[in-house]
Amino acid sequence: MEEVKIIPLFVDGDYNYKVWKIISPTEEFEVSDQEVYDGESHKEESFEISASRKELFVGEVVKLVIVPTPAYANVPEVIIESSDENVIKANGQASLIAVGVGDATVTVTDAYNTEVSSTILFTVTDGVNVPDGKEGE
């Protein structure tokens, strides 16, 4: 994922930021506070989803990270669906729980624009998660 820098450029008399410069490896532009709150002009074109781990044990919970493109876009309200809810289920806002052994694809879709979605594959096993590789302690 690309690194994005957000630099405040203008502050009003009440010390509220009004204009920011956004810098990413592929884009550089300025945005005002009005534009930030205007949902229409800042819709995502796509988004990527990731998780700290994609290989889970039954009972584990993992949080999804949703990164919109372009970098200044609003993170959308999403619908999270599992290809097999006997393996992995949505468990709150962008959180998943592994409930059974197997593979399942999780699809995250923009709630207001179903043409924008992304998927991630999880594998769930019934193994025991042993910290530091020390079994039986």
Protein backbone atom coordinates (compact mmCIF):
# COMPACT_ATOMS: atom_id res chain seq x y z
CA MET A 1 0.00 0.00 0.00
CA GLU A 2 1.20 3.47 -0.75
CA GLU A 3 2.25 5.97 1.91
CA VAL A 4 0.11 9.09 2.07
CA LYS A 5 1.12 12.36 3.75
CA ILE A 6 -1.47 14.93 4.84
CA ILE A 7 -0.08 18.40 5.52
CA PRO A 8 -2.22 21.24 6.96
CA LEU A 9 -1.78 24.39 4.81
CA PHE A 10 -4.33 26.88 6.14
CA VAL A 11 -5.82 27.32 9.61
CA ASP A 12 -8.69 29.74 10.37
CA GLY A 13 -8.77 32.06 13.40
CA ASP A 14 -10.19 29.28 15.58
CA TYR A 15 -7.31 26.95 14.68
CA ASN A 16 -9.51 24.73 12.52
CA TYR A 17 -7.70 23.28 9.52
CA LYS A 18 -9.30 24.51 6.29
CA VAL A 19 -6.94 23.36 3.52
CA TRP A 20 -4.64 20.34 3.38
CA LYS A 21 -2.02 19.14 0.92
CA ILE A 22 -2.27 15.41 0.17
CA ILE A 23 0.89 13.72 -1.12
CA SER A 24 1.12 10.11 -2.26
CA PRO A 25 3.63 8.40 -4.57
CA THR A 26 1.21 8.87 -7.50
CA GLU A 27 -0.71 12.06 -6.65
CA GLU A 28 -0.24 15.49 -5.09
CA PHE A 29 -3.13 17.91 -4.60
CA GLU A 30 -4.82 20.29 -2.19
CA VAL A 31 -8.22 19.74 -0.63
CA SER A 32 -10.43 22.05 1.44
CA ASP A 33 -12.58 21.13 4.43
CA GLN A 34 -15.71 21.63 2.30
CA GLU A 35 -14.45 19.11 -0.24
CA VAL A 36 -13.60 16.62 2.52
CA TYR A 37 -17.19 16.60 3.73
CA ASP A 38 -18.71 16.50 0.24
CA GLY A 39 -19.36 12.78 -0.15
CA GLU A 40 -20.14 12.95 -3.89
CA SER A 41 -16.80 14.39 -4.96
CA HIS A 42 -14.84 12.05 -2.73
CA LYS A 43 -16.31 8.65 -3.49
CA GLU A 44 -13.85 5.83 -3.77
CA GLU A 45 -13.10 4.39 -7.20
CA SER A 46 -12.08 1.14 -5.55
CA PHE A 47 -10.72 -0.09 -2.25
CA GLU A 48 -8.37 -2.75 -1.00
CA ILE A 49 -9.00 -4.90 2.02
CA SER A 50 -6.41 -6.64 4.13
CA ALA A 51 -6.12 -8.36 7.48
CA SER A 52 -3.22 -8.92 9.84
CA ARG A 53 -3.61 -12.67 9.23
CA LYS A 54 -5.40 -14.73 6.60
CA GLU A 55 -4.69 -18.11 8.22
CA LEU A 56 -6.76 -18.37 11.39
CA PHE A 57 -7.64 -20.87 14.10
CA VAL A 58 -11.25 -21.61 15.06
CA GLY A 59 -12.39 -18.96 17.53
CA GLU A 60 -9.98 -16.25 16.41
CA VAL A 61 -11.20 -12.76 15.56
CA VAL A 62 -9.56 -10.59 12.91
CA LYS A 63 -10.21 -6.98 11.90
CA LEU A 64 -10.33 -5.97 8.25
CA VAL A 65 -8.48 -2.87 7.06
CA ILE A 66 -10.23 -0.98 4.25
CA VAL A 67 -8.12 1.44 2.17
CA PRO A 68 -9.94 3.50 -0.49
CA THR A 69 -8.53 4.69 -3.83
CA PRO A 70 -7.86 7.53 -4.44
CA ALA A 71 -6.13 8.17 -1.11
CA TYR A 72 -8.35 11.16 -0.24
CA ALA A 73 -11.62 9.27 -0.77
CA ASN A 74 -14.06 8.63 2.04
CA VAL A 75 -14.02 5.12 3.46
CA PRO A 76 -17.38 3.72 2.39
CA GLU A 77 -20.10 2.13 4.47
CA VAL A 78 -19.70 -1.53 3.56
CA ILE A 79 -21.51 -4.86 3.45
CA ILE A 80 -19.40 -7.85 4.52
CA GLU A 81 -20.32 -11.31 3.22
CA SER A 82 -18.69 -14.70 3.64
CA SER A 83 -18.78 -17.42 0.99
CA ASP A 84 -19.18 -19.93 3.84
CA GLU A 85 -20.57 -18.75 7.19
CA ASN A 86 -19.75 -22.18 8.64
CA VAL A 87 -16.08 -21.14 8.31
CA ILE A 88 -15.96 -17.38 8.89
CA LYS A 89 -18.64 -14.84 9.87
CA ALA A 90 -18.88 -11.07 10.06
CA ASN A 91 -18.70 -10.11 13.73
CA GLY A 92 -19.37 -6.38 13.91
CA GLN A 93 -17.95 -3.45 11.97
CA ALA A 94 -15.14 -4.85 9.75
CA SER A 95 -14.49 -7.65 12.24
CA LEU A 96 -14.59 -11.38 11.42
CA ILE A 97 -14.67 -14.52 13.57
CA ALA A 98 -13.40 -17.94 12.50
CA VAL A 99 -16.13 -20.44 13.41
CA GLY A 100 -15.19 -23.65 11.57
CA VAL A 101 -12.48 -25.41 9.59
CA GLY A 102 -12.15 -24.65 5.87
CA ASP A 103 -11.61 -21.89 3.34
CA ALA A 104 -13.92 -18.92 2.84
CA THR A 105 -13.78 -15.84 0.68
CA VAL A 106 -14.94 -12.63 2.32
CA THR A 107 -16.39 -10.02 0.00
CA VAL A 108 -16.61 -6.40 1.09
CA THR A 109 -18.98 -4.26 -1.00
CA ASP A 110 -19.75 -0.54 -0.90
CA ALA A 111 -23.28 -0.34 0.56
CA TYR A 112 -24.25 2.46 -1.86
CA ASN A 113 -22.37 1.37 -4.98
CA THR A 114 -22.41 -2.41 -5.33
CA GLU A 115 -20.10 -2.21 -8.36
CA VAL A 116 -17.24 -1.41 -5.95
CA SER A 117 -16.09 -4.46 -4.00
CA SER A 118 -13.01 -6.41 -2.98
CA THR A 119 -12.35 -9.94 -1.76
CA ILE A 120 -9.95 -11.70 0.58
CA LEU A 121 -9.47 -15.45 1.16
CA PHE A 122 -9.19 -16.92 4.66
CA THR A 123 -8.14 -20.41 5.72
CA VAL A 124 -9.32 -21.63 9.12
CA THR A 125 -7.83 -24.66 10.92
CA ASP A 126 -8.59 -26.29 14.26
CA GLY A 127 -4.94 -26.20 15.33
CA VAL A 128 -3.89 -24.72 18.62
CA ASN A 129 -2.38 -21.25 18.57
CA VAL A 130 0.75 -21.68 20.72
CA PRO A 131 2.58 -18.44 21.65
CA ASP A 132 6.30 -18.35 20.86
CA GLY A 133 6.17 -21.94 19.54
CA LYS A 134 6.20 -23.38 23.09
CA GLU A 135 3.71 -26.20 23.32
CA GLY A 136 2.61 -27.70 26.62
CA GLU A 137 3.79 -24.92 28.96
